[in-house]
Protein backbone atom coordinates (compact mmCIF):
# COMPACT_ATOMS: atom_id res chain seq x y z
CA UNK A 1 -42.35 -1.54 56.87
CA UNK A 2 -44.42 -1.97 53.74
CA UNK A 3 -45.07 -5.23 52.21
CA UNK A 4 -42.91 -4.38 49.40
CA UNK A 5 -39.99 -3.94 51.78
CA UNK A 6 -40.71 -7.30 53.42
CA UNK A 7 -40.26 -9.14 50.03
CA UNK A 8 -37.44 -11.26 51.79
CA UNK A 9 -40.18 -12.83 53.84
CA UNK A 10 -42.28 -15.64 52.14
CA UNK A 11 -45.39 -14.66 54.05
CA UNK A 12 -45.36 -10.86 53.32
CA UNK A 13 -48.00 -11.25 50.59
CA UNK A 14 -50.25 -12.11 53.52
CA UNK A 15 -49.98 -8.54 54.91
CA UNK A 16 -53.38 -6.85 54.59
CA UNK A 17 -52.79 -3.64 52.67
CA UNK A 18 -55.00 -1.13 50.95
CA UNK A 19 -55.11 -0.63 47.24
CA UNK A 20 -52.82 2.34 46.98
CA UNK A 21 -50.11 0.23 48.67
CA UNK A 22 -49.72 -1.68 45.36
CA UNK A 23 -48.41 1.21 43.55
CA UNK A 24 -46.01 2.78 46.17
CA UNK A 25 -42.68 1.32 44.79
CA UNK A 26 -41.23 -1.48 42.77
CA UNK A 27 -41.04 -4.97 43.99
CA UNK A 28 -37.41 -6.33 44.28
CA UNK A 29 -35.83 -6.67 41.04
CA UNK A 30 -34.36 -10.12 41.98
CA UNK A 31 -38.04 -11.52 42.34
CA UNK A 32 -38.87 -10.79 38.62
CA UNK A 33 -35.41 -11.52 37.05
CA UNK A 34 -34.52 -8.08 36.13
CA UNK A 35 -31.08 -6.83 36.63
CA UNK A 36 -32.08 -2.94 36.02
CA UNK A 37 -34.56 -1.32 38.42
CA UNK A 38 -35.78 0.77 35.44
CA UNK A 39 -37.15 -2.79 34.07
CA UNK A 40 -39.13 -3.70 36.93
CA UNK A 41 -43.03 -3.24 36.21
CA UNK A 42 -44.43 -4.56 39.25
CA UNK A 43 -45.30 -2.40 42.15
CA UNK A 44 -47.03 -4.35 44.88
CA UNK A 45 -48.96 -7.43 45.73
CA UNK A 46 -51.72 -8.95 48.26
CA UNK A 47 -53.12 -12.22 48.64
CA UNK A 48 -56.98 -12.26 47.92
CA UNK A 49 -57.40 -15.91 48.35
CA UNK A 50 -55.56 -19.40 48.80
CA UNK A 51 -54.52 -19.25 44.98
CA UNK A 52 -55.78 -15.60 44.23
CA UNK A 53 -53.52 -12.40 44.16
CA UNK A 54 -53.73 -8.70 43.32
CA UNK A 55 -50.66 -7.12 41.92
CA UNK A 56 -50.06 -3.70 40.73
CA UNK A 57 -48.09 -2.58 37.71
CA UNK A 58 -46.98 0.81 36.43
CA UNK A 59 -46.54 1.53 32.83
CA UNK A 60 -44.34 4.64 31.70
CA UNK A 61 -45.52 6.72 28.76
CA UNK A 62 -41.83 6.74 27.67
CA UNK A 63 -40.54 3.19 28.22
CA UNK A 64 -37.12 2.99 26.34
CA UNK A 65 -38.19 0.23 24.35
CA UNK A 66 -41.86 -0.36 24.74
CA UNK A 67 -42.69 3.17 24.07
CA UNK A 68 -46.13 4.55 22.93
CA UNK A 69 -47.38 3.06 19.74
CA UNK A 70 -48.33 5.49 16.97
CA UNK A 71 -48.27 8.34 19.64
CA UNK A 72 -51.48 6.99 20.89
CA UNK A 73 -51.40 3.82 22.65
CA UNK A 74 -49.36 2.21 25.49
CA UNK A 75 -47.44 -0.57 24.04
CA UNK A 76 -49.46 -3.85 24.86
CA UNK A 77 -46.03 -5.66 25.05
CA UNK A 78 -45.87 -3.91 28.62
CA UNK A 79 -48.89 -6.10 29.47
CA UNK A 80 -47.05 -9.23 28.22
CA UNK A 81 -43.89 -8.22 30.27
CA UNK A 82 -46.20 -7.52 33.34
CA UNK A 83 -47.71 -10.95 33.04
CA UNK A 84 -44.14 -12.43 32.70
CA UNK A 85 -43.06 -10.88 35.80
CA UNK A 86 -46.21 -11.82 37.97
CA UNK A 87 -45.47 -15.50 37.23
CA UNK A 88 -41.96 -15.10 38.63
CA UNK A 89 -42.89 -12.96 41.62
CA UNK A 90 -45.50 -15.62 42.61
CA UNK A 91 -43.00 -18.61 41.98
CA UNK A 92 -40.77 -17.23 44.45
CA UNK A 93 -43.28 -15.44 46.93
CA UNK A 94 -46.30 -17.82 46.73
CA UNK A 95 -44.93 -21.10 45.69
CA UNK A 96 -41.48 -21.04 47.52
CA UNK A 97 -39.44 -21.69 44.32
CA UNK A 98 -35.81 -20.72 45.20
CA UNK A 99 -34.24 -17.74 43.32
CA UNK A 100 -31.56 -19.98 41.75
CA UNK A 101 -34.18 -21.82 39.82
CA UNK A 102 -34.52 -21.65 36.03
CA UNK A 103 -37.93 -21.23 34.54
CA UNK A 104 -39.15 -22.48 31.10
CA UNK A 105 -42.16 -20.94 29.73
CA UNK A 106 -44.37 -23.43 27.66
CA UNK A 107 -47.20 -21.30 26.46
CA UNK A 108 -48.00 -17.60 26.94
CA UNK A 109 -51.01 -15.67 25.72
CA UNK A 110 -52.45 -12.20 26.14
CA UNK A 111 -55.17 -10.03 24.60
CA UNK A 112 -55.94 -6.40 25.16
CA UNK A 113 -58.82 -3.96 24.46
CA UNK A 114 -57.32 -1.30 22.41
CA UNK A 115 -59.45 1.41 23.67
CA UNK A 116 -58.31 0.89 27.26
CA UNK A 117 -54.50 1.07 26.63
CA UNK A 118 -54.69 4.37 25.21
CA UNK A 119 -52.16 6.99 26.44
CA UNK A 120 -53.04 9.27 29.46
CA UNK A 121 -51.53 12.37 31.06
CA UNK A 122 -49.39 10.04 33.35
CA UNK A 123 -48.30 6.58 33.70
CA UNK A 124 -50.90 3.84 33.65
CA UNK A 125 -51.40 2.13 36.99
CA UNK A 126 -52.94 -1.40 36.24
CA UNK A 127 -54.24 -3.86 38.75
CA UNK A 128 -53.59 -7.53 38.05
CA UNK A 129 -56.05 -10.14 39.08
CA UNK A 130 -54.07 -13.44 39.01
CA UNK A 131 -55.13 -16.90 39.84
CA UNK A 132 -52.48 -19.94 40.24
CA UNK A 133 -53.75 -23.35 39.10
CA UNK A 134 -52.34 -26.62 37.97
CA UNK A 135 -49.25 -26.51 40.35
CA UNK A 136 -47.28 -29.68 40.13
CA UNK A 137 -44.72 -30.68 42.89
CA UNK A 138 -42.19 -33.20 43.16
CA UNK A 139 -40.58 -34.15 46.45
CA UNK A 140 -42.43 -31.03 47.88
CA UNK A 141 -40.78 -28.77 45.15
CA UNK A 142 -42.95 -27.03 42.54
CA UNK A 143 -41.96 -28.32 39.08
CA UNK A 144 -44.71 -26.74 36.96
CA UNK A 145 -47.54 -24.17 37.27
CA UNK A 146 -50.03 -22.12 35.46
CA UNK A 147 -51.61 -18.84 36.02
CA UNK A 148 -54.34 -16.51 34.51
CA UNK A 149 -54.37 -12.79 34.71
CA UNK A 150 -57.05 -10.13 34.12
CA UNK A 151 -55.87 -6.58 34.01
CA UNK A 152 -57.77 -3.52 35.04
CA UNK A 153 -57.00 0.44 34.57
CA UNK A 154 -59.31 2.80 36.36
CA UNK A 155 -61.65 0.02 37.24
CA UNK A 156 -62.17 -1.22 33.40
CA UNK A 157 -60.87 -4.41 32.24
CA UNK A 158 -57.88 -3.87 29.75
CA UNK A 159 -57.20 -7.51 28.86
CA UNK A 160 -56.25 -11.08 29.98
CA UNK A 161 -53.41 -13.36 29.74
CA UNK A 162 -52.20 -16.73 30.92
CA UNK A 163 -49.05 -18.68 31.17
CA UNK A 164 -47.82 -22.28 31.64
CA UNK A 165 -44.31 -22.80 32.75
CA UNK A 166 -41.90 -25.56 34.22
CA UNK A 167 -39.29 -24.68 36.61
CA UNK A 168 -35.93 -26.54 37.30
CA UNK A 169 -33.10 -26.17 39.85
CA UNK A 170 -29.74 -24.95 38.39
CA UNK A 171 -27.99 -28.29 38.33
CA UNK A 172 -30.83 -29.91 36.34
CA UNK A 173 -30.77 -26.62 33.99
CA UNK A 174 -27.23 -27.28 33.19
CA UNK A 175 -27.99 -30.84 32.71
CA UNK A 176 -30.67 -30.25 30.25
CA UNK A 177 -28.51 -27.44 28.47
CA UNK A 178 -25.53 -29.50 27.97
CA UNK A 179 -22.73 -27.85 26.22
CA UNK A 180 -25.28 -24.94 25.49
CA UNK A 181 -25.28 -23.89 29.12
CA UNK A 182 -23.61 -20.58 29.30
CA UNK A 183 -23.59 -19.94 25.36
CA UNK A 184 -23.16 -16.41 24.41
CA UNK A 185 -24.59 -14.50 21.31
CA UNK A 186 -22.25 -13.98 18.15
CA UNK A 187 -21.00 -10.61 17.97
CA UNK A 188 -21.82 -10.32 14.09
CA UNK A 189 -25.46 -9.89 13.23
CA UNK A 190 -27.20 -9.69 9.84
CA UNK A 191 -28.29 -6.30 8.59
CA UNK A 192 -31.60 -5.45 10.00
CA UNK A 193 -34.93 -4.80 8.21
CA UNK A 194 -35.42 -1.11 7.80
CA UNK A 195 -36.52 0.15 11.21
CA UNK A 196 -39.50 2.07 9.77
CA UNK A 197 -41.03 -0.80 8.35
CA UNK A 198 -41.48 -2.45 12.03
CA UNK A 199 -42.46 0.52 13.87
CA UNK A 200 -39.03 1.44 15.11
CA UNK A 201 -36.48 4.04 14.64
CA UNK A 202 -33.23 2.47 14.63
CA UNK A 203 -31.76 -0.70 13.64
CA UNK A 204 -30.54 -1.39 17.24
CA UNK A 205 -33.96 -2.21 18.25
CA UNK A 206 -34.73 -4.41 15.08
CA UNK A 207 -34.84 -8.18 15.69
CA UNK A 208 -35.67 -9.40 11.97
CA UNK A 209 -32.96 -9.30 9.34
CA UNK A 210 -33.20 -7.49 6.08
CA UNK A 211 -33.03 -10.32 3.37
CA UNK A 212 -35.94 -12.59 2.49
CA UNK A 213 -35.22 -16.19 1.69
CA UNK A 214 -38.09 -18.09 0.37
CA UNK A 215 -40.52 -15.62 2.18
CA UNK A 216 -38.54 -15.91 5.60
CA UNK A 217 -36.25 -13.55 7.65
CA UNK A 218 -33.38 -14.50 10.20
CA UNK A 219 -33.83 -13.72 13.80
CA UNK A 220 -31.13 -11.45 15.03
CA UNK A 221 -30.69 -11.08 18.74
CA UNK A 222 -28.11 -8.36 19.90
CA UNK A 223 -27.22 -9.55 23.44
CA UNK A 224 -25.98 -5.99 24.16
CA UNK A 225 -29.56 -4.77 23.85
CA UNK A 226 -30.28 -3.31 27.50
CA UNK A 227 -33.94 -4.23 27.60
CA UNK A 228 -34.22 -7.52 25.28
CA UNK A 229 -31.16 -8.72 27.17
CA UNK A 230 -31.43 -7.07 30.61
CA UNK A 231 -29.10 -9.59 31.74
CA UNK A 232 -26.96 -12.58 30.32
CA UNK A 233 -28.79 -15.48 29.08
CA UNK A 234 -27.54 -18.72 27.09
CA UNK A 235 -30.67 -18.70 24.57
CA UNK A 236 -33.00 -16.24 23.06
CA UNK A 237 -36.05 -15.23 25.55
CA UNK A 238 -39.55 -15.79 24.71
CA UNK A 239 -39.96 -11.94 24.86
CA UNK A 240 -37.80 -11.38 22.01
CA UNK A 241 -39.58 -14.26 20.03
CA UNK A 242 -42.93 -12.30 20.67
CA UNK A 243 -41.20 -9.10 19.63
CA UNK A 244 -40.04 -10.72 16.41
CA UNK A 245 -43.29 -12.04 15.64
CA UNK A 246 -44.94 -8.51 16.17
CA UNK A 247 -42.22 -7.10 13.86
CA UNK A 248 -42.87 -10.09 11.32
CA UNK A 249 -46.65 -9.19 11.15
CA UNK A 250 -45.85 -5.39 10.84
CA UNK A 251 -43.70 -5.86 7.79
CA UNK A 252 -45.92 -8.65 6.22
CA UNK A 253 -48.79 -6.20 6.43
CA UNK A 254 -47.17 -3.10 5.61
CA UNK A 255 -48.67 -1.48 8.60
CA UNK A 256 -45.75 -0.42 10.86
CA UNK A 257 -48.11 1.74 13.24
CA UNK A 258 -50.60 -1.15 13.92
CA UNK A 259 -50.92 -2.03 17.47
CA UNK A 260 -50.27 -5.80 18.81
CA UNK A 261 -53.50 -6.29 20.56
CA UNK A 262 -53.15 -10.07 21.07
CA UNK A 263 -50.34 -12.92 20.95
CA UNK A 264 -50.60 -16.51 21.71
CA UNK A 265 -47.20 -18.04 21.64
CA UNK A 266 -45.93 -21.75 22.03
CA UNK A 267 -42.52 -22.54 22.82
CA UNK A 268 -41.27 -25.95 21.97
CA UNK A 269 -37.65 -25.84 22.88
CA UNK A 270 -34.97 -23.32 23.45
CA UNK A 271 -34.25 -21.02 20.58
CA UNK A 272 -30.33 -20.96 20.28
CA UNK A 273 -28.02 -18.28 19.29
CA UNK A 274 -26.98 -20.41 16.43
CA UNK A 275 -27.58 -21.97 13.93
CA UNK A 276 -29.93 -19.32 12.19
CA UNK A 277 -33.62 -19.28 13.44
CA UNK A 278 -35.72 -18.57 10.46
CA UNK A 279 -38.90 -16.58 10.99
CA UNK A 280 -42.01 -16.91 8.72
CA UNK A 281 -45.47 -15.57 8.51
CA UNK A 282 -47.07 -18.95 7.27
CA UNK A 283 -50.74 -17.67 7.27
CA UNK A 284 -52.73 -14.37 7.55
CA UNK A 285 -56.38 -13.50 8.04
CA UNK A 286 -56.32 -9.80 6.56
CA UNK A 287 -60.06 -9.11 5.73
CA UNK A 288 -60.10 -5.26 5.10
CA UNK A 289 -63.41 -4.99 6.84
CA UNK A 290 -62.04 -6.24 10.23
CA UNK A 291 -59.52 -3.87 11.97
CA UNK A 292 -58.02 -6.74 13.75
CA UNK A 293 -55.51 -8.60 11.25
CA UNK A 294 -54.67 -12.26 12.47
CA UNK A 295 -51.33 -14.09 11.41
CA UNK A 296 -49.35 -17.06 12.41
CA UNK A 297 -45.69 -16.65 13.01
CA UNK A 298 -43.36 -19.75 12.89
CA UNK A 299 -39.71 -19.98 14.17
CA UNK A 300 -37.67 -22.69 12.67
CA UNK A 301 -34.23 -23.78 13.57
CA UNK A 302 -32.01 -26.74 12.92
CA UNK A 303 -34.95 -28.13 10.52
CA UNK A 304 -37.66 -28.08 13.20
CA UNK A 305 -40.33 -25.79 14.54
CA UNK A 306 -38.86 -24.16 17.71
CA UNK A 307 -41.94 -21.62 18.48
CA UNK A 308 -44.90 -20.25 17.00
CA UNK A 309 -46.92 -17.18 17.63
CA UNK A 310 -50.66 -16.24 16.65
CA UNK A 311 -50.44 -12.67 16.45
CA UNK A 312 -53.56 -9.93 16.40
CA UNK A 313 -52.68 -6.38 15.12
CA UNK A 314 -55.13 -3.46 15.13
CA UNK A 315 -55.18 -0.58 12.73
CA UNK A 316 -57.06 2.40 13.66
CA UNK A 317 -59.14 3.94 10.90
CA UNK A 318 -57.73 7.19 11.64
CA UNK A 319 -54.07 6.00 11.39
């Protein structure tokens, strides 16, 4: 029996496995909070030290949402999603957090080397070196933790990432959410920005409204989207906010084929389905001599800052 198939055992990650074992099959979807098997990116894990782990991830060249960028790069949001899934996998399998708990991401950052995320002739097999730290326990149950990730492809470093998160039991989550627990998204969405302005081909994949209002757009979240809402949620998830930050940056710069090479997100509170959440590019460093364009995107809801992302976009000279 492989380590992956022993995922119901908390000690399965201590099994001594060889590197190819990291890529044999997807980890159980429940451990990374995915409903669809097709959305599971992680393929294996082994312990390398007390708080150090090595995790395999596979990136398809033709993901249904995070597909190839400009026909030449893997979408670095696959790296972000791999980082997100790593934290959940280790939470359950290394920290012993029960499956019924909810996770509240506080900060999430990543950065990639654009040369190392170029498409190859097959899927990318990525090794993630992960270090857990700042683990907080209350009554022997983990309530907060952080982790750092360094990604490698074919032995070359492709990027890094880091996350800080809290976790709570189902009962505490429902108490925190109050009457927002179980909220559902509205069926009527504002018209989306033209897909070609944000590197998309159809409005279904657009997460920003078409109309400006004092330099802002409205966040639009279609809960029927099979990737952005893989399973029912009562709020807008952080990955949707990061995607919205990317689309806001692409539109602001007029560079729909630019590559998102970095994002530093701070989530101050839940972003609700209503009232409207306003998305603004509040600052930008667009030095034409630098291929990396830096922008700050803010999310305001009910008169206060709910989240913010520092976004880095790369434009190839040949694009």
